Amino acid sequence: MKLQRTGMLFCMIGPAGGGKTTFTQRLLSEQHDSTHLSVSVTTRTARPSERDGSSYFFVTPEQFEARIQQGDFFEWEEIHGHRYGTLKTTVDRALAGHSDLLLDIDIRGALRFKKVLPLNTVVVFLVPPSVSILKARLIARGSISPTELATRLATAEREYKTLLELADQPGAVDYFVVNDEAEETYRNLQSILTAERSRLIRISKDQVRSICTL
């Protein structure tokens, strides 16, 4: 039986090098019928493997600022000198269509979703087993300058600090997943996604009544 439910905003957060993009792409490829990627707007330049409209919507700083003034963004942040934003229309379409939206965003953006749409938002903080492994994974990407490495580690430090400050606050960050062994990590993420889809608060109350009325 397919349960009718509200759409879910599944936010993958954590430092660069933690595996967010890899696992997001795999979840999308294996659950494409009910799960969709939130395509953000960004001012940074596209990488060789990225395509406008599917990886990001690439815009100029001036165009991004214009969209801020028009109120187009649900949330936006500046990260590593570039702006990234989630469009209101992207969120509205997912919730109206009762589908799950995967978001690879900054921790501040995820907390914005939690504050405004707490019943729809699930936040997963994904991390490597240690800072030394994080650093090694960043370097292994290749062509990363010492300045960029320092910037990304500084961002990771800020995110870790925010996480620790929220550790005792219910309803902020929901899950803490350590990406040590890839297959085990992926199974954990699948389990979280499956369990969250069965939360009673997200299930159609009319359908619950039809099933549970004697």
N, C-alpha and C. Protein backbone atom coordinates (compact mmCIF):
# COMPACT_ATOMS: atom_id res chain seq x y z
N MET A 1 0.84 -1.20 0.00
CA MET A 1 0.00 0.00 0.00
C MET A 1 0.87 1.25 0.00
N LYS A 2 0.55 2.19 -0.85
CA LYS A 2 1.30 3.45 -0.90
C LYS A 2 0.60 4.46 0.00
N LEU A 3 1.31 4.91 1.01
CA LEU A 3 0.74 5.88 1.93
C LEU A 3 0.82 7.28 1.35
N GLN A 4 -0.24 8.03 1.55
CA GLN A 4 -0.27 9.42 1.12
C GLN A 4 0.32 10.27 2.24
N ARG A 5 1.26 11.14 1.89
CA ARG A 5 1.93 11.92 2.93
C ARG A 5 2.41 13.25 2.37
N THR A 6 2.78 14.13 3.28
CA THR A 6 3.35 15.41 2.86
C THR A 6 4.78 15.21 2.37
N GLY A 7 5.26 16.14 1.56
CA GLY A 7 6.63 16.07 1.08
C GLY A 7 7.63 16.32 2.19
N MET A 8 8.83 15.81 2.01
CA MET A 8 9.87 15.95 3.02
C MET A 8 11.07 16.70 2.43
N LEU A 9 11.68 17.54 3.26
CA LEU A 9 12.89 18.26 2.89
C LEU A 9 14.05 17.59 3.62
N PHE A 10 14.82 16.80 2.88
CA PHE A 10 15.88 15.97 3.46
C PHE A 10 17.21 16.70 3.27
N CYS A 11 17.66 17.38 4.32
CA CYS A 11 18.84 18.24 4.24
C CYS A 11 20.10 17.49 4.64
N MET A 12 21.04 17.38 3.70
CA MET A 12 22.35 16.78 3.96
C MET A 12 23.33 17.91 4.21
N ILE A 13 23.86 17.98 5.42
CA ILE A 13 24.80 19.04 5.76
C ILE A 13 26.09 18.43 6.29
N GLY A 14 27.11 19.29 6.43
CA GLY A 14 28.40 18.82 6.89
C GLY A 14 29.51 19.41 6.04
N PRO A 15 30.74 19.18 6.40
CA PRO A 15 31.87 19.81 5.70
C PRO A 15 32.08 19.27 4.29
N ALA A 16 32.69 20.09 3.44
CA ALA A 16 33.11 19.62 2.12
C ALA A 16 34.09 18.47 2.32
N GLY A 17 33.91 17.39 1.57
CA GLY A 17 34.75 16.22 1.75
C GLY A 17 34.09 15.16 2.62
N GLY A 18 32.91 15.47 3.13
CA GLY A 18 32.21 14.52 3.99
C GLY A 18 31.44 13.46 3.22
N GLY A 19 31.18 13.70 1.93
CA GLY A 19 30.49 12.71 1.12
C GLY A 19 29.07 13.08 0.76
N LYS A 20 28.64 14.30 1.04
CA LYS A 20 27.24 14.69 0.79
C LYS A 20 26.85 14.50 -0.67
N THR A 21 27.66 15.02 -1.58
CA THR A 21 27.32 14.96 -3.00
C THR A 21 27.26 13.52 -3.49
N THR A 22 28.21 12.70 -3.10
CA THR A 22 28.25 11.30 -3.52
C THR A 22 27.00 10.55 -3.10
N PHE A 23 26.62 10.69 -1.83
CA PHE A 23 25.46 9.95 -1.33
C PHE A 23 24.15 10.54 -1.84
N THR A 24 24.10 11.85 -2.02
CA THR A 24 22.90 12.47 -2.57
C THR A 24 22.65 11.95 -3.98
N GLN A 25 23.69 11.87 -4.80
CA GLN A 25 23.54 11.39 -6.18
C GLN A 25 23.10 9.93 -6.21
N ARG A 26 23.61 9.13 -5.28
CA ARG A 26 23.23 7.71 -5.26
C ARG A 26 21.78 7.55 -4.81
N LEU A 27 21.37 8.30 -3.79
CA LEU A 27 19.97 8.24 -3.36
C LEU A 27 19.04 8.64 -4.49
N LEU A 28 19.42 9.66 -5.23
CA LEU A 28 18.60 10.12 -6.34
C LEU A 28 18.50 9.07 -7.44
N SER A 29 19.61 8.41 -7.74
CA SER A 29 19.62 7.43 -8.83
C SER A 29 18.80 6.19 -8.49
N GLU A 30 18.72 5.86 -7.20
CA GLU A 30 18.02 4.64 -6.80
C GLU A 30 16.60 4.90 -6.33
N GLN A 31 16.25 6.17 -6.09
CA GLN A 31 14.90 6.48 -5.61
C GLN A 31 14.32 7.65 -6.42
N HIS A 32 14.58 7.64 -7.71
CA HIS A 32 14.22 8.77 -8.55
C HIS A 32 12.72 8.96 -8.71
N ASP A 33 11.92 7.92 -8.38
CA ASP A 33 10.48 8.04 -8.55
C ASP A 33 9.83 8.94 -7.51
N SER A 34 10.44 9.04 -6.33
CA SER A 34 9.82 9.83 -5.25
C SER A 34 10.76 10.85 -4.64
N THR A 35 11.98 10.94 -5.15
CA THR A 35 12.98 11.83 -4.56
C THR A 35 13.60 12.69 -5.66
N HIS A 36 13.74 13.97 -5.37
CA HIS A 36 14.25 14.91 -6.36
C HIS A 36 15.32 15.80 -5.73
N LEU A 37 16.22 16.28 -6.57
CA LEU A 37 17.29 17.15 -6.11
C LEU A 37 16.83 18.60 -6.10
N SER A 38 17.17 19.29 -5.03
CA SER A 38 16.96 20.73 -5.00
C SER A 38 18.12 21.39 -5.73
N VAL A 39 17.83 22.02 -6.85
CA VAL A 39 18.86 22.68 -7.65
C VAL A 39 18.98 24.12 -7.17
N SER A 40 20.12 24.45 -6.57
CA SER A 40 20.32 25.77 -6.00
C SER A 40 20.78 26.77 -7.06
N VAL A 41 20.63 28.02 -6.74
CA VAL A 41 21.17 29.11 -7.56
C VAL A 41 22.51 29.51 -6.95
N THR A 42 23.53 29.72 -7.76
CA THR A 42 24.84 30.09 -7.23
C THR A 42 25.54 31.11 -8.12
N THR A 43 26.42 31.85 -7.49
CA THR A 43 27.22 32.83 -8.24
C THR A 43 28.58 32.28 -8.63
N ARG A 44 28.91 31.07 -8.21
CA ARG A 44 30.23 30.55 -8.56
C ARG A 44 30.24 30.01 -9.98
N THR A 45 31.44 29.84 -10.51
CA THR A 45 31.61 29.34 -11.88
C THR A 45 31.38 27.84 -11.93
N ALA A 46 30.77 27.37 -13.00
CA ALA A 46 30.51 25.94 -13.16
C ALA A 46 31.82 25.18 -13.34
N ARG A 47 31.89 24.01 -12.72
CA ARG A 47 33.02 23.11 -12.93
C ARG A 47 32.79 22.32 -14.22
N PRO A 48 33.85 21.69 -14.76
CA PRO A 48 33.72 20.99 -16.05
C PRO A 48 32.59 19.97 -16.10
N SER A 49 32.35 19.28 -15.01
CA SER A 49 31.32 18.22 -15.01
C SER A 49 29.92 18.74 -14.73
N GLU A 50 29.77 20.02 -14.43
CA GLU A 50 28.48 20.57 -14.03
C GLU A 50 27.72 21.19 -15.20
N ARG A 51 26.39 21.10 -15.11
CA ARG A 51 25.54 21.64 -16.16
C ARG A 51 24.52 22.59 -15.55
N ASP A 52 24.33 23.71 -16.23
CA ASP A 52 23.38 24.71 -15.76
C ASP A 52 21.97 24.14 -15.80
N GLY A 53 21.26 24.28 -14.67
CA GLY A 53 19.88 23.81 -14.60
C GLY A 53 19.73 22.43 -13.99
N SER A 54 20.82 21.65 -13.98
CA SER A 54 20.76 20.32 -13.37
C SER A 54 21.70 20.21 -12.17
N SER A 55 22.88 20.82 -12.27
CA SER A 55 23.79 20.86 -11.12
C SER A 55 23.44 22.06 -10.25
N TYR A 56 23.44 23.22 -10.86
CA TYR A 56 23.05 24.49 -10.24
C TYR A 56 22.44 25.36 -11.33
N PHE A 57 21.80 26.44 -10.89
CA PHE A 57 21.48 27.53 -11.79
C PHE A 57 22.59 28.57 -11.60
N PHE A 58 23.43 28.73 -12.60
CA PHE A 58 24.58 29.62 -12.49
C PHE A 58 24.19 31.03 -12.92
N VAL A 59 24.40 32.00 -12.03
CA VAL A 59 24.02 33.38 -12.32
C VAL A 59 25.17 34.32 -11.92
N THR A 60 25.08 35.55 -12.37
CA THR A 60 26.07 36.55 -11.97
C THR A 60 25.71 37.08 -10.58
N PRO A 61 26.67 37.70 -9.88
CA PRO A 61 26.35 38.31 -8.59
C PRO A 61 25.21 39.33 -8.70
N GLU A 62 25.16 40.04 -9.79
CA GLU A 62 24.10 41.03 -9.98
C GLU A 62 22.73 40.37 -10.13
N GLN A 63 22.70 39.27 -10.86
CA GLN A 63 21.44 38.55 -11.02
C GLN A 63 20.98 37.93 -9.70
N PHE A 64 21.93 37.43 -8.93
CA PHE A 64 21.60 36.86 -7.63
C PHE A 64 21.00 37.94 -6.72
N GLU A 65 21.65 39.10 -6.69
CA GLU A 65 21.17 40.20 -5.86
C GLU A 65 19.77 40.62 -6.27
N ALA A 66 19.51 40.63 -7.57
CA ALA A 66 18.18 41.00 -8.05
C ALA A 66 17.12 40.02 -7.56
N ARG A 67 17.47 38.74 -7.52
CA ARG A 67 16.52 37.73 -7.05
C ARG A 67 16.29 37.84 -5.55
N ILE A 68 17.31 38.27 -4.82
CA ILE A 68 17.12 38.55 -3.39
C ILE A 68 16.09 39.65 -3.22
N GLN A 69 16.27 40.73 -3.97
CA GLN A 69 15.37 41.87 -3.86
C GLN A 69 13.94 41.51 -4.28
N GLN A 70 13.80 40.55 -5.19
CA GLN A 70 12.48 40.11 -5.64
C GLN A 70 11.83 39.13 -4.67
N GLY A 71 12.60 38.67 -3.66
CA GLY A 71 12.06 37.73 -2.69
C GLY A 71 11.93 36.32 -3.21
N ASP A 72 12.80 35.94 -4.15
CA ASP A 72 12.70 34.63 -4.78
C ASP A 72 13.25 33.49 -3.93
N PHE A 73 14.09 33.80 -2.94
CA PHE A 73 14.78 32.74 -2.20
C PHE A 73 14.06 32.38 -0.90
N PHE A 74 13.99 31.07 -0.65
CA PHE A 74 13.55 30.60 0.66
C PHE A 74 14.66 30.83 1.67
N GLU A 75 15.88 30.55 1.25
CA GLU A 75 17.07 30.81 2.06
C GLU A 75 18.25 30.99 1.14
N TRP A 76 19.25 31.76 1.59
CA TRP A 76 20.49 31.88 0.85
C TRP A 76 21.63 32.16 1.82
N GLU A 77 22.83 31.76 1.41
CA GLU A 77 24.02 31.95 2.23
C GLU A 77 25.20 32.30 1.34
N GLU A 78 26.22 32.90 1.95
CA GLU A 78 27.49 33.12 1.26
C GLU A 78 28.51 32.15 1.83
N ILE A 79 29.09 31.32 0.97
CA ILE A 79 30.03 30.28 1.38
C ILE A 79 31.26 30.36 0.49
N HIS A 80 32.44 30.46 1.10
CA HIS A 80 33.70 30.52 0.36
C HIS A 80 33.69 31.63 -0.69
N GLY A 81 33.06 32.73 -0.35
CA GLY A 81 33.06 33.88 -1.26
C GLY A 81 32.02 33.85 -2.36
N HIS A 82 31.16 32.81 -2.37
CA HIS A 82 30.12 32.70 -3.39
C HIS A 82 28.75 32.57 -2.70
N ARG A 83 27.72 33.02 -3.37
CA ARG A 83 26.38 32.93 -2.82
C ARG A 83 25.65 31.70 -3.37
N TYR A 84 24.86 31.07 -2.50
CA TYR A 84 24.05 29.92 -2.86
C TYR A 84 22.65 30.14 -2.29
N GLY A 85 21.62 29.82 -3.06
CA GLY A 85 20.26 30.03 -2.58
C GLY A 85 19.29 28.98 -3.05
N THR A 86 18.28 28.69 -2.22
CA THR A 86 17.21 27.76 -2.57
C THR A 86 15.97 28.56 -2.93
N LEU A 87 15.42 28.32 -4.10
CA LEU A 87 14.26 29.05 -4.57
C LEU A 87 12.98 28.61 -3.84
N LYS A 88 12.13 29.57 -3.55
CA LYS A 88 10.84 29.27 -2.93
C LYS A 88 10.02 28.34 -3.82
N THR A 89 10.09 28.55 -5.12
CA THR A 89 9.30 27.73 -6.04
C THR A 89 9.71 26.26 -5.98
N THR A 90 11.01 26.00 -5.76
CA THR A 90 11.49 24.62 -5.66
C THR A 90 10.87 23.93 -4.46
N VAL A 91 10.85 24.63 -3.33
CA VAL A 91 10.29 24.06 -2.10
C VAL A 91 8.78 23.88 -2.24
N ASP A 92 8.11 24.88 -2.76
CA ASP A 92 6.65 24.82 -2.90
C ASP A 92 6.21 23.67 -3.79
N ARG A 93 6.92 23.45 -4.90
CA ARG A 93 6.56 22.37 -5.82
C ARG A 93 6.72 21.00 -5.15
N ALA A 94 7.79 20.83 -4.37
CA ALA A 94 8.03 19.54 -3.70
C ALA A 94 6.93 19.25 -2.69
N LEU A 95 6.59 20.23 -1.87
CA LEU A 95 5.58 20.02 -0.84
C LEU A 95 4.20 19.80 -1.45
N ALA A 96 3.89 20.55 -2.49
CA ALA A 96 2.58 20.40 -3.14
C ALA A 96 2.47 19.06 -3.86
N GLY A 97 3.61 18.56 -4.36
CA GLY A 97 3.61 17.30 -5.09
C GLY A 97 3.81 16.09 -4.22
N HIS A 98 3.91 16.28 -2.90
CA HIS A 98 4.08 15.19 -1.94
C HIS A 98 5.32 14.34 -2.24
N SER A 99 6.38 15.01 -2.70
CA SER A 99 7.63 14.30 -3.01
C SER A 99 8.73 14.77 -2.06
N ASP A 100 9.82 14.02 -2.02
CA ASP A 100 10.93 14.34 -1.13
C ASP A 100 11.99 15.11 -1.89
N LEU A 101 12.48 16.16 -1.27
CA LEU A 101 13.49 17.02 -1.87
C LEU A 101 14.80 16.82 -1.13
N LEU A 102 15.85 16.45 -1.84
CA LEU A 102 17.18 16.30 -1.25
C LEU A 102 17.92 17.62 -1.40
N LEU A 103 18.44 18.13 -0.29
CA LEU A 103 19.15 19.40 -0.30
C LEU A 103 20.55 19.23 0.25
N ASP A 104 21.54 19.61 -0.54
CA ASP A 104 22.94 19.63 -0.11
C ASP A 104 23.27 21.09 0.18
N ILE A 105 23.11 21.49 1.46
CA ILE A 105 23.20 22.91 1.79
C ILE A 105 24.05 23.13 3.04
N ASP A 106 24.27 24.40 3.33
CA ASP A 106 25.01 24.83 4.51
C ASP A 106 24.15 24.62 5.76
N ILE A 107 24.79 24.45 6.90
CA ILE A 107 24.06 24.21 8.14
C ILE A 107 23.11 25.34 8.47
N ARG A 108 23.49 26.58 8.14
CA ARG A 108 22.62 27.71 8.44
C ARG A 108 21.35 27.66 7.61
N GLY A 109 21.48 27.23 6.34
CA GLY A 109 20.31 27.08 5.49
C GLY A 109 19.38 25.99 6.00
N ALA A 110 19.96 24.87 6.45
CA ALA A 110 19.16 23.77 6.98
C ALA A 110 18.39 24.20 8.22
N LEU A 111 19.02 24.98 9.08
CA LEU A 111 18.34 25.45 10.29
C LEU A 111 17.21 26.41 9.96
N ARG A 112 17.37 27.14 8.85
CA ARG A 112 16.29 28.00 8.37
C ARG A 112 15.08 27.16 7.99
N PHE A 113 15.29 26.05 7.29
CA PHE A 113 14.20 25.15 6.94
C PHE A 113 13.55 24.59 8.20
N LYS A 114 14.37 24.19 9.16
CA LYS A 114 13.86 23.63 10.41
C LYS A 114 12.97 24.62 11.15
N LYS A 115 13.36 25.88 11.11
CA LYS A 115 12.60 26.91 11.82
C LYS A 115 11.26 27.17 11.16
N VAL A 116 11.25 27.25 9.84
CA VAL A 116 10.03 27.63 9.11
C VAL A 116 9.13 26.43 8.82
N LEU A 117 9.75 25.28 8.49
CA LEU A 117 8.98 24.08 8.13
C LEU A 117 9.43 22.88 8.97
N PRO A 118 9.25 22.95 10.28
CA PRO A 118 9.79 21.89 11.15
C PRO A 118 9.19 20.51 10.92
N LEU A 119 7.93 20.44 10.49
CA LEU A 119 7.28 19.14 10.31
C LEU A 119 7.72 18.47 9.01
N ASN A 120 8.27 19.23 8.10
CA ASN A 120 8.68 18.68 6.80
C ASN A 120 10.18 18.45 6.70
N THR A 121 10.96 19.04 7.59
CA THR A 121 12.41 19.07 7.43
C THR A 121 13.12 18.01 8.28
N VAL A 122 14.04 17.30 7.65
CA VAL A 122 14.92 16.34 8.33
C VAL A 122 16.36 16.75 8.04
N VAL A 123 17.16 16.90 9.10
CA VAL A 123 18.53 17.37 8.95
C VAL A 123 19.51 16.26 9.35
N VAL A 124 20.38 15.91 8.41
CA VAL A 124 21.40 14.88 8.66
C VAL A 124 22.78 15.53 8.55
N PHE A 125 23.56 15.44 9.60
CA PHE A 125 24.92 15.97 9.60
C PHE A 125 25.86 14.81 9.29
N LEU A 126 26.56 14.91 8.15
CA LEU A 126 27.42 13.84 7.66
C LEU A 126 28.88 14.27 7.80
N VAL A 127 29.68 13.44 8.48
CA VAL A 127 31.08 13.80 8.75
C VAL A 127 32.02 12.62 8.50
N PRO A 128 33.28 12.91 8.16
CA PRO A 128 34.31 11.86 8.14
C PRO A 128 34.63 11.46 9.59
N PRO A 129 35.36 10.35 9.79
CA PRO A 129 35.64 9.89 11.15
C PRO A 129 36.55 10.81 11.96
N SER A 130 37.33 11.67 11.30
CA SER A 130 38.26 12.54 12.03
C SER A 130 38.62 13.74 11.15
N VAL A 131 39.17 14.75 11.77
CA VAL A 131 39.60 15.94 11.03
C VAL A 131 40.76 15.59 10.09
N SER A 132 41.65 14.71 10.51
CA SER A 132 42.77 14.33 9.65
C SER A 132 42.29 13.63 8.39
N ILE A 133 41.26 12.80 8.52
CA ILE A 133 40.69 12.13 7.34
C ILE A 133 39.97 13.13 6.46
N LEU A 134 39.28 14.09 7.08
CA LEU A 134 38.64 15.16 6.31
C LEU A 134 39.67 15.89 5.46
N LYS A 135 40.78 16.26 6.08
CA LYS A 135 41.83 16.99 5.37
C LYS A 135 42.39 16.15 4.22
N ALA A 136 42.60 14.85 4.49
CA ALA A 136 43.14 13.96 3.45
C ALA A 136 42.18 13.83 2.28
N ARG A 137 40.88 13.77 2.56
CA ARG A 137 39.89 13.63 1.49
C ARG A 137 39.83 14.91 0.64
N LEU A 138 39.97 16.04 1.28
CA LEU A 138 39.97 17.30 0.53
C LEU A 138 41.19 17.37 -0.40
N ILE A 139 42.34 16.99 0.12
CA ILE A 139 43.57 17.01 -0.68
C ILE A 139 43.48 16.01 -1.83
N ALA A 140 42.83 14.85 -1.56
CA ALA A 140 42.72 13.81 -2.58
C ALA A 140 41.87 14.23 -3.77
N ARG A 141 41.06 15.26 -3.59
CA ARG A 141 40.25 15.76 -4.71
C ARG A 141 41.13 16.31 -5.83
N GLY A 142 42.34 16.74 -5.45
CA GLY A 142 43.27 17.29 -6.44
C GLY A 142 43.03 18.75 -6.72
N SER A 143 44.08 19.42 -7.18
CA SER A 143 44.05 20.83 -7.59
C SER A 143 43.40 21.74 -6.57
N ILE A 144 43.65 21.50 -5.29
CA ILE A 144 43.14 22.40 -4.26
C ILE A 144 44.34 23.18 -3.70
N SER A 145 44.27 24.47 -3.72
CA SER A 145 45.37 25.31 -3.27
C SER A 145 45.41 25.35 -1.74
N PRO A 146 46.57 25.68 -1.17
CA PRO A 146 46.65 25.80 0.29
C PRO A 146 45.64 26.80 0.84
N THR A 147 45.39 27.87 0.10
CA THR A 147 44.42 28.87 0.56
C THR A 147 43.02 28.31 0.58
N GLU A 148 42.66 27.58 -0.47
CA GLU A 148 41.32 26.99 -0.53
C GLU A 148 41.15 25.92 0.54
N LEU A 149 42.20 25.13 0.77
CA LEU A 149 42.15 24.11 1.80
C LEU A 149 41.91 24.75 3.16
N ALA A 150 42.64 25.83 3.44
CA ALA A 150 42.49 26.52 4.73
C ALA A 150 41.07 27.08 4.86
N THR A 151 40.51 27.59 3.77
CA THR A 151 39.16 28.14 3.80
C THR A 151 38.14 27.07 4.10
N ARG A 152 38.29 25.92 3.46
CA ARG A 152 37.32 24.83 3.67
C ARG A 152 37.44 24.25 5.07
N LEU A 153 38.63 24.18 5.60
CA LEU A 153 38.81 23.69 6.97
C LEU A 153 38.23 24.68 7.98
N ALA A 154 38.35 25.97 7.68
CA ALA A 154 37.78 26.99 8.56
C ALA A 154 36.25 26.90 8.55
N THR A 155 35.68 26.63 7.37
CA THR A 155 34.23 26.45 7.28
C THR A 155 33.79 25.22 8.05
N ALA A 156 34.56 24.13 7.93
CA ALA A 156 34.25 22.91 8.68
C ALA A 156 34.29 23.17 10.18
N GLU A 157 35.28 23.94 10.62
CA GLU A 157 35.39 24.26 12.04
C GLU A 157 34.15 25.02 12.52
N ARG A 158 33.67 25.95 11.70
CA ARG A 158 32.47 26.71 12.06
C ARG A 158 31.25 25.79 12.13
N GLU A 159 31.14 24.88 11.18
CA GLU A 159 30.00 23.97 11.17
C GLU A 159 30.03 23.03 12.37
N TYR A 160 31.23 22.52 12.70
CA TYR A 160 31.37 21.64 13.87
C TYR A 160 31.00 22.39 15.15
N LYS A 161 31.42 23.64 15.25
CA LYS A 161 31.11 24.44 16.43
C LYS A 161 29.60 24.64 16.57
N THR A 162 28.95 24.94 15.45
CA THR A 162 27.49 25.11 15.46
C THR A 162 26.81 23.82 15.85
N LEU A 163 27.29 22.69 15.31
CA LEU A 163 26.71 21.39 15.64
C LEU A 163 26.79 21.12 17.14
N LEU A 164 27.94 21.36 17.74
CA LEU A 164 28.12 21.11 19.17
C LEU A 164 27.22 22.01 20.01
N GLU A 165 27.01 23.23 19.55
CA GLU A 165 26.12 24.14 20.27
C GLU A 165 24.67 23.66 20.22
N LEU A 166 24.32 22.92 19.16
CA LEU A 166 22.94 22.45 18.98
C LEU A 166 22.71 21.03 19.49
N ALA A 167 23.78 20.39 19.96
CA ALA A 167 23.70 18.96 20.29
C ALA A 167 22.63 18.62 21.31
N ASP A 168 22.36 19.52 22.23
CA ASP A 168 21.38 19.27 23.29
C ASP A 168 20.04 19.92 23.02
N GLN A 169 19.86 20.45 21.82
CA GLN A 169 18.60 21.11 21.48
C GLN A 169 17.74 20.21 20.60
N PRO A 170 16.65 19.67 21.13
CA PRO A 170 15.77 18.80 20.33
C PRO A 170 15.21 19.56 19.12
N GLY A 171 15.14 18.88 18.00
CA GLY A 171 14.51 19.47 16.84
C GLY A 171 15.41 20.34 15.99
N ALA A 172 16.72 20.33 16.23
CA ALA A 172 17.64 21.11 15.41
C ALA A 172 18.25 20.18 14.36
N VAL A 173 19.35 19.52 14.71
CA VAL A 173 19.95 18.51 13.82
C VAL A 173 19.42 17.15 14.27
N ASP A 174 18.82 16.40 13.34
CA ASP A 174 18.15 15.15 13.70
C ASP A 174 19.09 13.95 13.78
N TYR A 175 20.05 13.88 12.84
CA TYR A 175 20.90 12.69 12.75
C TYR A 175 22.36 13.08 12.57
N PHE A 176 23.23 12.28 13.18
CA PHE A 176 24.68 12.45 13.07
C PHE A 176 25.24 11.16 12.49
N VAL A 177 25.71 11.22 11.24
CA VAL A 177 26.18 10.02 10.54
C VAL A 177 27.66 10.16 10.23
N VAL A 178 28.45 9.19 10.66
CA VAL A 178 29.89 9.19 10.40
C VAL A 178 30.17 8.38 9.14
N ASN A 179 30.74 9.04 8.15
CA ASN A 179 31.04 8.40 6.87
C ASN A 179 32.42 7.77 6.93
N ASP A 180 32.45 6.55 7.47
CA ASP A 180 33.70 5.80 7.57
C ASP A 180 33.79 4.80 6.42
N GLU A 181 32.83 3.87 6.37
CA GLU A 181 32.78 2.88 5.30
C GLU A 181 31.58 3.21 4.42
N ALA A 182 31.81 3.39 3.13
CA ALA A 182 30.80 3.97 2.23
C ALA A 182 29.50 3.19 2.19
N GLU A 183 29.56 1.86 2.05
CA GLU A 183 28.33 1.07 1.93
C GLU A 183 27.52 1.12 3.21
N GLU A 184 28.17 1.04 4.33
CA GLU A 184 27.46 1.12 5.62
C GLU A 184 26.82 2.49 5.79
N THR A 185 27.56 3.54 5.41
CA THR A 185 27.02 4.89 5.50
C THR A 185 25.79 5.03 4.62
N TYR A 186 25.85 4.51 3.42
CA TYR A 186 24.71 4.60 2.51
C TYR A 186 23.49 3.86 3.06
N ARG A 187 23.71 2.69 3.64
CA ARG A 187 22.60 1.94 4.23
C ARG A 187 21.97 2.73 5.38
N ASN A 188 22.80 3.41 6.16
CA ASN A 188 22.28 4.23 7.26
C ASN A 188 21.40 5.36 6.71
N LEU A 189 21.85 6.00 5.66
CA LEU A 189 21.07 7.10 5.07
C LEU A 189 19.77 6.59 4.48
N GLN A 190 19.81 5.43 3.82
CA GLN A 190 18.59 4.83 3.30
C GLN A 190 17.59 4.54 4.42
N SER A 191 18.11 4.03 5.53
CA SER A 191 17.24 3.68 6.66
C SER A 191 16.58 4.93 7.24
N ILE A 192 17.35 6.00 7.35
CA ILE A 192 16.80 7.25 7.87
C ILE A 192 15.69 7.75 6.95
N LEU A 193 15.93 7.75 5.65
CA LEU A 193 14.95 8.23 4.69
C LEU A 193 13.67 7.39 4.75
N THR A 194 13.84 6.07 4.84
CA THR A 194 12.68 5.18 4.90
C THR A 194 11.88 5.40 6.17
N ALA A 195 12.57 5.50 7.31
CA ALA A 195 11.88 5.69 8.59
C ALA A 195 11.14 7.02 8.63
N GLU A 196 11.78 8.08 8.12
CA GLU A 196 11.14 9.40 8.16
C GLU A 196 9.89 9.45 7.29
N ARG A 197 9.85 8.65 6.25
CA ARG A 197 8.65 8.61 5.39
C ARG A 197 7.46 7.98 6.11
N SER A 198 7.72 7.23 7.18
CA SER A 198 6.65 6.55 7.90
C SER A 198 6.20 7.30 9.15
N ARG A 199 6.73 8.48 9.39
CA ARG A 199 6.30 9.24 10.57
C ARG A 199 4.81 9.57 10.45
N LEU A 200 4.08 9.29 11.52
CA LEU A 200 2.64 9.48 11.51
C LEU A 200 2.25 10.91 11.20
N ILE A 201 3.04 11.85 11.68
CA ILE A 201 2.69 13.26 11.50
C ILE A 201 2.67 13.66 10.03
N ARG A 202 3.35 12.88 9.17
CA ARG A 202 3.40 13.21 7.74
C ARG A 202 2.38 12.43 6.91
N ILE A 203 1.71 11.46 7.52
CA ILE A 203 0.78 10.61 6.79
C ILE A 203 -0.60 11.26 6.74
N SER A 204 -1.29 11.10 5.60
CA SER A 204 -2.63 11.63 5.43
C SER A 204 -3.55 11.11 6.53
N LYS A 205 -4.18 12.03 7.27
CA LYS A 205 -5.06 11.61 8.36
C LYS A 205 -6.31 10.91 7.83
N ASP A 206 -6.77 11.29 6.63
CA ASP A 206 -7.91 10.60 6.03
C ASP A 206 -7.57 9.15 5.74
N GLN A 207 -6.35 8.90 5.27
CA GLN A 207 -5.96 7.53 4.99
C GLN A 207 -5.80 6.73 6.27
N VAL A 208 -5.25 7.36 7.30
CA VAL A 208 -5.11 6.69 8.60
C VAL A 208 -6.48 6.29 9.12
N ARG A 209 -7.46 7.20 9.01
CA ARG A 209 -8.82 6.89 9.49
C ARG A 209 -9.43 5.73 8.70
N SER A 210 -9.21 5.73 7.39
CA SER A 210 -9.80 4.66 6.58
C SER A 210 -9.20 3.30 6.93
N ILE A 211 -7.95 3.29 7.33
CA ILE A 211 -7.28 2.04 7.67
C ILE A 211 -7.65 1.59 9.09
N CYS A 212 -7.79 2.57 9.99
CA CYS A 212 -7.93 2.25 11.42
C CYS A 212 -9.35 2.33 11.96
N THR A 213 -10.33 2.63 11.12
CA THR A 213 -11.71 2.70 11.58
C THR A 213 -12.36 1.33 11.49
N LEU A 214 -12.90 0.85 12.62
CA LEU A 214 -13.54 -0.47 12.65
C LEU A 214 -14.98 -0.38 12.14
